Amino acid sequence: MARGTVRFWAAAKAAAGAAEEPYDATTLAEALAGVRSRHGEALARVLDRSSYVVDGDPVGGRQHDAVLLSDGGCVEVLPPFAGG
């Protein structure tokens, strides 16, 4: 299991009520499940529309359960900006 940081931007930051929080997960899917369980429906709706960058690498269309997280790593949650 890896430990790192999830960083929220824009609407995700507003819905989470925080700029960042720690993760303790093996995959991106596990980290996001933890975030959803801690923050509820408002953030879950934002996560459904967001893009993700893991350790500087865009996730793109990869399955979240196939994206491995690193110890000391960072997951950036990027909601659509400017209607995008």
PDB file of N, CA and C in Angstrom:
ATOM      1  N   MET A   1       0.850  -1.169   0.000  1.00  0.00           N
ATOM      2  CA  MET A   1       0.000   0.000   0.000  1.00  0.00           C
ATOM      3  C   MET A   1       0.896   1.233   0.000  1.00  0.00           C
ATOM      4  N   ALA A   2       0.546   2.210  -0.824  1.00  0.00           N
ATOM      5  CA  ALA A   2       1.316   3.444  -0.934  1.00  0.00           C
ATOM      6  C   ALA A   2       0.628   4.572  -0.176  1.00  0.00           C
ATOM      7  N   ARG A   3       1.437   5.505   0.256  1.00  0.00           N
ATOM      8  CA  ARG A   3       0.909   6.705   0.923  1.00  0.00           C
ATOM      9  C   ARG A   3       1.386   7.919   0.158  1.00  0.00           C
ATOM     10  N   GLY A   4       0.485   8.859  -0.066  1.00  0.00           N
ATOM     11  CA  GLY A   4       0.813  10.077  -0.784  1.00  0.00           C
ATOM     12  C   GLY A   4      -0.248  11.128  -0.557  1.00  0.00           C
ATOM     13  N   THR A   5      -0.388  12.044  -1.521  1.00  0.00           N
ATOM     14  CA  THR A   5      -1.289  13.179  -1.386  1.00  0.00           C
ATOM     15  C   THR A   5      -2.231  13.268  -2.575  1.00  0.00           C
ATOM     16  N   VAL A   6      -3.507  13.546  -2.294  1.00  0.00           N
ATOM     17  CA  VAL A   6      -4.487  13.890  -3.317  1.00  0.00           C
ATOM     18  C   VAL A   6      -4.650  15.406  -3.248  1.00  0.00           C
ATOM     19  N   ARG A   7      -4.456  16.089  -4.371  1.00  0.00           N
ATOM     20  CA  ARG A   7      -4.633  17.544  -4.437  1.00  0.00           C
ATOM     21  C   ARG A   7      -5.874  17.856  -5.242  1.00  0.00           C
ATOM     22  N   PHE A   8      -6.718  18.691  -4.667  1.00  0.00           N
ATOM     23  CA  PHE A   8      -7.969  19.088  -5.303  1.00  0.00           C
ATOM     24  C   PHE A   8      -7.817  20.485  -5.893  1.00  0.00           C
ATOM     25  N   TRP A   9      -8.343  20.688  -7.097  1.00  0.00           N
ATOM     26  CA  TRP A   9      -8.294  21.991  -7.754  1.00  0.00           C
ATOM     27  C   TRP A   9      -9.701  22.462  -8.080  1.00  0.00           C
ATOM     28  N   ALA A  10      -9.885  23.772  -8.064  1.00  0.00           N
ATOM     29  CA  ALA A  10     -11.119  24.430  -8.495  1.00  0.00           C
ATOM     30  C   ALA A  10     -12.359  23.834  -7.804  1.00  0.00           C
ATOM     31  N   ALA A  11     -13.328  23.347  -8.591  1.00  0.00           N
ATOM     32  CA  ALA A  11     -14.586  22.830  -8.034  1.00  0.00           C
ATOM     33  C   ALA A  11     -14.354  21.640  -7.098  1.00  0.00           C
ATOM     34  N   ALA A  12     -13.328  20.850  -7.361  1.00  0.00           N
ATOM     35  CA  ALA A  12     -13.028  19.722  -6.473  1.00  0.00           C
ATOM     36  C   ALA A  12     -12.578  20.227  -5.106  1.00  0.00           C
ATOM     37  N   LYS A  13     -11.785  21.271  -5.096  1.00  0.00           N
ATOM     38  CA  LYS A  13     -11.327  21.872  -3.836  1.00  0.00           C
ATOM     39  C   LYS A  13     -12.514  22.423  -3.052  1.00  0.00           C
ATOM     40  N   ALA A  14     -13.420  23.087  -3.748  1.00  0.00           N
ATOM     41  CA  ALA A  14     -14.610  23.634  -3.085  1.00  0.00           C
ATOM     42  C   ALA A  14     -15.484  22.518  -2.519  1.00  0.00           C
ATOM     43  N   ALA A  15     -15.698  21.453  -3.281  1.00  0.00           N
ATOM     44  CA  ALA A  15     -16.557  20.355  -2.830  1.00  0.00           C
ATOM     45  C   ALA A  15     -15.920  19.565  -1.686  1.00  0.00           C
ATOM     46  N   ALA A  16     -14.587  19.427  -1.706  1.00  0.00           N
ATOM     47  CA  ALA A  16     -13.898  18.682  -0.646  1.00  0.00           C
ATOM     48  C   ALA A  16     -13.729  19.523   0.609  1.00  0.00           C
ATOM     49  N   GLY A  17     -13.737  20.845   0.446  1.00  0.00           N
ATOM     50  CA  GLY A  17     -13.512  21.726   1.592  1.00  0.00           C
ATOM     51  C   GLY A  17     -12.060  21.724   2.037  1.00  0.00           C
ATOM     52  N   ALA A  18     -11.168  21.297   1.144  1.00  0.00           N
ATOM     53  CA  ALA A  18      -9.738  21.235   1.456  1.00  0.00           C
ATOM     54  C   ALA A  18      -8.958  21.255   0.151  1.00  0.00           C
ATOM     55  N   ALA A  19      -7.722  21.693   0.223  1.00  0.00           N
ATOM     56  CA  ALA A  19      -6.871  21.718  -0.960  1.00  0.00           C
ATOM     57  C   ALA A  19      -6.224  20.365  -1.206  1.00  0.00           C
ATOM     58  N   GLU A  20      -6.025  19.595  -0.148  1.00  0.00           N
ATOM     59  CA  GLU A  20      -5.404  18.287  -0.302  1.00  0.00           C
ATOM     60  C   GLU A  20      -5.681  17.410   0.899  1.00  0.00           C
ATOM     61  N   GLU A  21      -5.431  16.130   0.721  1.00  0.00           N
ATOM     62  CA  GLU A  21      -5.549  15.162   1.806  1.00  0.00           C
ATOM     63  C   GLU A  21      -4.673  13.957   1.477  1.00  0.00           C
ATOM     64  N   PRO A  22      -4.323  13.170   2.459  1.00  0.00           N
ATOM     65  CA  PRO A  22      -3.469  12.005   2.200  1.00  0.00           C
ATOM     66  C   PRO A  22      -4.253  10.849   1.586  1.00  0.00           C
ATOM     67  N   TYR A  23      -3.540  10.019   0.832  1.00  0.00           N
ATOM     68  CA  TYR A  23      -4.115   8.742   0.398  1.00  0.00           C
ATOM     69  C   TYR A  23      -3.292   7.608   0.994  1.00  0.00           C
ATOM     70  N   ASP A  24      -3.939   6.489   1.143  1.00  0.00           N
ATOM     71  CA  ASP A  24      -3.318   5.248   1.596  1.00  0.00           C
ATOM     72  C   ASP A  24      -3.961   4.170   0.728  1.00  0.00           C
ATOM     73  N   ALA A  25      -3.397   3.957  -0.468  1.00  0.00           N
ATOM     74  CA  ALA A  25      -4.033   3.097  -1.462  1.00  0.00           C
ATOM     75  C   ALA A  25      -2.986   2.533  -2.414  1.00  0.00           C
ATOM     76  N   THR A  26      -3.352   1.502  -3.125  1.00  0.00           N
ATOM     77  CA  THR A  26      -2.472   0.896  -4.112  1.00  0.00           C
ATOM     78  C   THR A  26      -2.724   1.438  -5.512  1.00  0.00           C
ATOM     79  N   THR A  27      -4.016   1.700  -5.823  1.00  0.00           N
ATOM     80  CA  THR A  27      -4.377   2.177  -7.157  1.00  0.00           C
ATOM     81  C   THR A  27      -5.144   3.496  -7.070  1.00  0.00           C
ATOM     82  N   LEU A  28      -5.241   4.153  -8.202  1.00  0.00           N
ATOM     83  CA  LEU A  28      -6.033   5.379  -8.273  1.00  0.00           C
ATOM     84  C   LEU A  28      -7.485   5.094  -7.910  1.00  0.00           C
ATOM     85  N   ALA A  29      -8.023   3.971  -8.363  1.00  0.00           N
ATOM     86  CA  ALA A  29      -9.412   3.623  -8.048  1.00  0.00           C
ATOM     87  C   ALA A  29      -9.624   3.535  -6.533  1.00  0.00           C
ATOM     88  N   GLU A  30      -8.687   2.920  -5.819  1.00  0.00           N
ATOM     89  CA  GLU A  30      -8.801   2.809  -4.356  1.00  0.00           C
ATOM     90  C   GLU A  30      -8.723   4.178  -3.696  1.00  0.00           C
ATOM     91  N   ALA A  31      -7.820   5.015  -4.161  1.00  0.00           N
ATOM     92  CA  ALA A  31      -7.689   6.365  -3.582  1.00  0.00           C
ATOM     93  C   ALA A  31      -8.963   7.162  -3.797  1.00  0.00           C
ATOM     94  N   LEU A  32      -9.533   7.080  -4.996  1.00  0.00           N
ATOM     95  CA  LEU A  32     -10.758   7.827  -5.283  1.00  0.00           C
ATOM     96  C   LEU A  32     -11.952   7.280  -4.507  1.00  0.00           C
ATOM     97  N   ALA A  33     -12.000   5.978  -4.292  1.00  0.00           N
ATOM     98  CA  ALA A  33     -13.074   5.397  -3.476  1.00  0.00           C
ATOM     99  C   ALA A  33     -13.003   5.948  -2.054  1.00  0.00           C
ATOM    100  N   GLY A  34     -11.804   6.080  -1.520  1.00  0.00           N
ATOM    101  CA  GLY A  34     -11.648   6.652  -0.185  1.00  0.00           C
ATOM    102  C   GLY A  34     -12.093   8.099  -0.136  1.00  0.00           C
ATOM    103  N   VAL A  35     -11.727   8.864  -1.152  1.00  0.00           N
ATOM    104  CA  VAL A  35     -12.135  10.273  -1.227  1.00  0.00           C
ATOM    105  C   VAL A  35     -13.655  10.371  -1.286  1.00  0.00           C
ATOM    106  N   ARG A  36     -14.272   9.543  -2.124  1.00  0.00           N
ATOM    107  CA  ARG A  36     -15.741   9.555  -2.248  1.00  0.00           C
ATOM    108  C   ARG A  36     -16.410   9.227  -0.912  1.00  0.00           C
ATOM    109  N   SER A  37     -15.893   8.255  -0.206  1.00  0.00           N
ATOM    110  CA  SER A  37     -16.535   7.853   1.058  1.00  0.00           C
ATOM    111  C   SER A  37     -16.384   8.924   2.134  1.00  0.00           C
ATOM    112  N   ARG A  38     -15.305   9.676   2.084  1.00  0.00           N
ATOM    113  CA  ARG A  38     -15.095  10.721   3.095  1.00  0.00           C
ATOM    114  C   ARG A  38     -15.853  11.999   2.807  1.00  0.00           C
ATOM    115  N   HIS A  39     -16.127  12.292   1.538  1.00  0.00           N
ATOM    116  CA  HIS A  39     -16.670  13.612   1.192  1.00  0.00           C
ATOM    117  C   HIS A  39     -18.076  13.604   0.619  1.00  0.00           C
ATOM    118  N   GLY A  40     -18.595  12.478   0.249  1.00  0.00           N
ATOM    119  CA  GLY A  40     -19.990  12.400  -0.166  1.00  0.00           C
ATOM    120  C   GLY A  40     -20.280  12.790  -1.599  1.00  0.00           C
ATOM    121  N   GLU A  41     -21.563  13.005  -1.843  1.00  0.00           N
ATOM    122  CA  GLU A  41     -22.106  13.154  -3.181  1.00  0.00           C
ATOM    123  C   GLU A  41     -21.616  14.394  -3.927  1.00  0.00           C
ATOM    124  N   ALA A  42     -21.479  15.528  -3.268  1.00  0.00           N
ATOM    125  CA  ALA A  42     -21.062  16.750  -3.968  1.00  0.00           C
ATOM    126  C   ALA A  42     -19.697  16.550  -4.634  1.00  0.00           C
ATOM    127  N   LEU A  43     -18.756  15.998  -3.909  1.00  0.00           N
ATOM    128  CA  LEU A  43     -17.436  15.759  -4.487  1.00  0.00           C
ATOM    129  C   LEU A  43     -17.493  14.602  -5.486  1.00  0.00           C
ATOM    130  N   ALA A  44     -18.296  13.595  -5.227  1.00  0.00           N
ATOM    131  CA  ALA A  44     -18.414  12.458  -6.154  1.00  0.00           C
ATOM    132  C   ALA A  44     -18.846  12.936  -7.538  1.00  0.00           C
ATOM    133  N   ARG A  45     -19.775  13.895  -7.604  1.00  0.00           N
ATOM    134  CA  ARG A  45     -20.221  14.438  -8.893  1.00  0.00           C
ATOM    135  C   ARG A  45     -19.068  15.133  -9.619  1.00  0.00           C
ATOM    136  N   VAL A  46     -18.243  15.860  -8.874  1.00  0.00           N
ATOM    137  CA  VAL A  46     -17.093  16.532  -9.485  1.00  0.00           C
ATOM    138  C   VAL A  46     -16.076  15.491  -9.963  1.00  0.00           C
ATOM    139  N   LEU A  47     -15.831  14.466  -9.158  1.00  0.00           N
ATOM    140  CA  LEU A  47     -14.865  13.422  -9.538  1.00  0.00           C
ATOM    141  C   LEU A  47     -15.276  12.723 -10.832  1.00  0.00           C
ATOM    142  N   ASP A  48     -16.581  12.547 -11.027  1.00  0.00           N
ATOM    143  CA  ASP A  48     -17.079  11.873 -12.229  1.00  0.00           C
ATOM    144  C   ASP A  48     -16.735  12.645 -13.500  1.00  0.00           C
ATOM    145  N   ARG A  49     -16.526  13.957 -13.387  1.00  0.00           N
ATOM    146  CA  ARG A  49     -16.226  14.800 -14.558  1.00  0.00           C
ATOM    147  C   ARG A  49     -14.762  15.201 -14.637  1.00  0.00           C
ATOM    148  N   SER A  50     -13.969  14.780 -13.679  1.00  0.00           N
ATOM    149  CA  SER A  50     -12.587  15.251 -13.580  1.00  0.00           C
ATOM    150  C   SER A  50     -11.599  14.419 -14.381  1.00  0.00           C
ATOM    151  N   SER A  51     -10.457  15.050 -14.631  1.00  0.00           N
ATOM    152  CA  SER A  51      -9.281  14.374 -15.182  1.00  0.00           C
ATOM    153  C   SER A  51      -8.294  14.209 -14.041  1.00  0.00           C
ATOM    154  N   TYR A  52      -7.353  13.287 -14.221  1.00  0.00           N
ATOM    155  CA  TYR A  52      -6.392  12.997 -13.150  1.00  0.00           C
ATOM    156  C   TYR A  52      -4.972  12.972 -13.699  1.00  0.00           C
ATOM    157  N   VAL A  53      -4.068  13.451 -12.862  1.00  0.00           N
ATOM    158  CA  VAL A  53      -2.638  13.394 -13.150  1.00  0.00           C
ATOM    159  C   VAL A  53      -2.002  12.710 -11.946  1.00  0.00           C
ATOM    160  N   VAL A  54      -1.255  11.642 -12.198  1.00  0.00           N
ATOM    161  CA  VAL A  54      -0.608  10.886 -11.126  1.00  0.00           C
ATOM    162  C   VAL A  54       0.901  11.026 -11.292  1.00  0.00           C
ATOM    163  N   ASP A  55       1.523  11.624 -10.309  1.00  0.00           N
ATOM    164  CA  ASP A  55       2.978  11.837 -10.333  1.00  0.00           C
ATOM    165  C   ASP A  55       3.430  12.511 -11.634  1.00  0.00           C
ATOM    166  N   GLY A  56       2.646  13.502 -12.074  1.00  0.00           N
ATOM    167  CA  GLY A  56       2.994  14.270 -13.259  1.00  0.00           C
ATOM    168  C   GLY A  56       2.595  13.644 -14.580  1.00  0.00           C
ATOM    169  N   ASP A  57       1.990  12.458 -14.546  1.00  0.00           N
ATOM    170  CA  ASP A  57       1.610  11.732 -15.756  1.00  0.00           C
ATOM    171  C   ASP A  57       0.084  11.731 -15.902  1.00  0.00           C
ATOM    172  N   PRO A  58      -0.461  12.343 -16.980  1.00  0.00           N
ATOM    173  CA  PRO A  58      -1.914  12.315 -17.171  1.00  0.00           C
ATOM    174  C   PRO A  58      -2.440  10.883 -17.274  1.00  0.00           C
ATOM    175  N   VAL A  59      -3.546  10.625 -16.601  1.00  0.00           N
ATOM    176  CA  VAL A  59      -4.145   9.293 -16.607  1.00  0.00           C
ATOM    177  C   VAL A  59      -4.848   9.025 -17.934  1.00  0.00           C
ATOM    178  N   GLY A  60      -5.479  10.034 -18.493  1.00  0.00           N
ATOM    179  CA  GLY A  60      -6.181   9.863 -19.770  1.00  0.00           C
ATOM    180  C   GLY A  60      -7.268   8.815 -19.668  1.00  0.00           C
ATOM    181  N   GLY A  61      -7.346   7.925 -20.640  1.00  0.00           N
ATOM    182  CA  GLY A  61      -8.397   6.913 -20.682  1.00  0.00           C
ATOM    183  C   GLY A  61      -8.067   5.615 -19.960  1.00  0.00           C
ATOM    184  N   ARG A  62      -6.914   5.564 -19.294  1.00  0.00           N
ATOM    185  CA  ARG A  62      -6.561   4.323 -18.583  1.00  0.00           C
ATOM    186  C   ARG A  62      -7.572   4.027 -17.473  1.00  0.00           C
ATOM    187  N   GLN A  63      -7.816   2.749 -17.238  1.00  0.00           N
ATOM    188  CA  GLN A  63      -8.695   2.320 -16.152  1.00  0.00           C
ATOM    189  C   GLN A  63      -8.053   2.700 -14.821  1.00  0.00           C
ATOM    190  N   HIS A  64      -8.840   3.288 -13.928  1.00  0.00           N
ATOM    191  CA  HIS A  64      -8.299   3.757 -12.652  1.00  0.00           C
ATOM    192  C   HIS A  64      -7.763   2.626 -11.781  1.00  0.00           C
ATOM    193  N   ASP A  65      -8.298   1.429 -11.933  1.00  0.00           N
ATOM    194  CA  ASP A  65      -7.785   0.309 -11.130  1.00  0.00           C
ATOM    195  C   ASP A  65      -6.467  -0.233 -11.679  1.00  0.00           C
ATOM    196  N   ALA A  66      -6.044   0.244 -12.864  1.00  0.00           N
ATOM    197  CA  ALA A  66      -4.768  -0.168 -13.448  1.00  0.00           C
ATOM    198  C   ALA A  66      -3.665   0.870 -13.218  1.00  0.00           C
ATOM    199  N   VAL A  67      -4.027   1.998 -12.632  1.00  0.00           N
ATOM    200  CA  VAL A  67      -3.050   3.061 -12.381  1.00  0.00           C
ATOM    201  C   VAL A  67      -2.503   2.878 -10.967  1.00  0.00           C
ATOM    202  N   LEU A  68      -1.256   2.442 -10.873  1.00  0.00           N
ATOM    203  CA  LEU A  68      -0.634   2.200  -9.571  1.00  0.00           C
ATOM    204  C   LEU A  68      -0.121   3.501  -8.977  1.00  0.00           C
ATOM    205  N   LEU A  69      -0.273   3.632  -7.665  1.00  0.00           N
ATOM    206  CA  LEU A  69       0.193   4.820  -6.954  1.00  0.00           C
ATOM    207  C   LEU A  69       1.535   4.528  -6.301  1.00  0.00           C
ATOM    208  N   SER A  70       2.327   5.576  -6.167  1.00  0.00           N
ATOM    209  CA  SER A  70       3.648   5.425  -5.566  1.00  0.00           C
ATOM    210  C   SER A  70       3.654   5.977  -4.142  1.00  0.00           C
ATOM    211  N   ASP A  71       4.544   5.449  -3.348  1.00  0.00           N
ATOM    212  CA  ASP A  71       4.724   5.962  -1.996  1.00  0.00           C
ATOM    213  C   ASP A  71       5.322   7.358  -2.114  1.00  0.00           C
ATOM    214  N   GLY A  72       4.695   8.321  -1.453  1.00  0.00           N
ATOM    215  CA  GLY A  72       5.135   9.708  -1.526  1.00  0.00           C
ATOM    216  C   GLY A  72       4.663  10.416  -2.784  1.00  0.00           C
ATOM    217  N   GLY A  73       3.772   9.788  -3.528  1.00  0.00           N
ATOM    218  CA  GLY A  73       3.295  10.338  -4.799  1.00  0.00           C
ATOM    219  C   GLY A  73       2.186  11.363  -4.635  1.00  0.00           C
ATOM    220  N   CYS A  74       1.692  11.827  -5.777  1.00  0.00           N
ATOM    221  CA  CYS A  74       0.660  12.859  -5.790  1.00  0.00           C
ATOM    222  C   CYS A  74      -0.371  12.569  -6.877  1.00  0.00           C
ATOM    223  N   VAL A  75      -1.638  12.663  -6.496  1.00  0.00           N
ATOM    224  CA  VAL A  75      -2.761  12.565  -7.424  1.00  0.00           C
ATOM    225  C   VAL A  75      -3.378  13.952  -7.518  1.00  0.00           C
ATOM    226  N   GLU A  76      -3.419  14.520  -8.718  1.00  0.00           N
ATOM    227  CA  GLU A  76      -4.039  15.822  -8.957  1.00  0.00           C
ATOM    228  C   GLU A  76      -5.438  15.574  -9.521  1.00  0.00           C
ATOM    229  N   VAL A  77      -6.448  16.196  -8.894  1.00  0.00           N
ATOM    230  CA  VAL A  77      -7.834  16.091  -9.362  1.00  0.00           C
ATOM    231  C   VAL A  77      -8.152  17.388 -10.092  1.00  0.00           C
ATOM    232  N   LEU A  78      -8.373  17.284 -11.417  1.00  0.00           N
ATOM    233  CA  LEU A  78      -8.575  18.463 -12.263  1.00  0.00           C
ATOM    234  C   LEU A  78      -9.978  18.459 -12.859  1.00  0.00           C
ATOM    235  N   PRO A  79     -10.893  19.223 -12.246  1.00  0.00           N
ATOM    236  CA  PRO A  79     -12.236  19.320 -12.827  1.00  0.00           C
ATOM    237  C   PRO A  79     -12.171  20.096 -14.138  1.00  0.00           C
ATOM    238  N   PRO A  80     -13.238  20.020 -14.945  1.00  0.00           N
ATOM    239  CA  PRO A  80     -13.253  20.809 -16.171  1.00  0.00           C
ATOM    240  C   PRO A  80     -13.113  22.308 -15.830  1.00  0.00           C
ATOM    241  N   PHE A  81     -12.276  22.985 -16.570  1.00  0.00           N
ATOM    242  CA  PHE A  81     -12.065  24.427 -16.367  1.00  0.00           C
ATOM    243  C   PHE A  81     -12.741  25.184 -17.503  1.00  0.00           C
ATOM    244  N   ALA A  82     -13.288  26.337 -17.192  1.00  0.00           N
ATOM    245  CA  ALA A  82     -13.859  27.246 -18.190  1.00  0.00           C
ATOM    246  C   ALA A  82     -14.819  26.522 -19.139  1.00  0.00           C
ATOM    247  N   GLY A  83     -15.668  25.687 -18.553  1.00  0.00           N
ATOM    248  CA  GLY A  83     -16.665  24.978 -19.342  1.00  0.00           C
ATOM    249  C   GLY A  83     -16.127  23.808 -20.134  1.00  0.00           C
ATOM    250  N   GLY A  84     -14.826  23.472 -19.950  1.00  0.00           N
ATOM    251  CA  GLY A  84     -14.178  22.425 -20.764  1.00  0.00           C
ATOM    252  C   GLY A  84     -14.348  21.119 -20.226  1.00  0.00           C
TER     253      GLY A  84
END
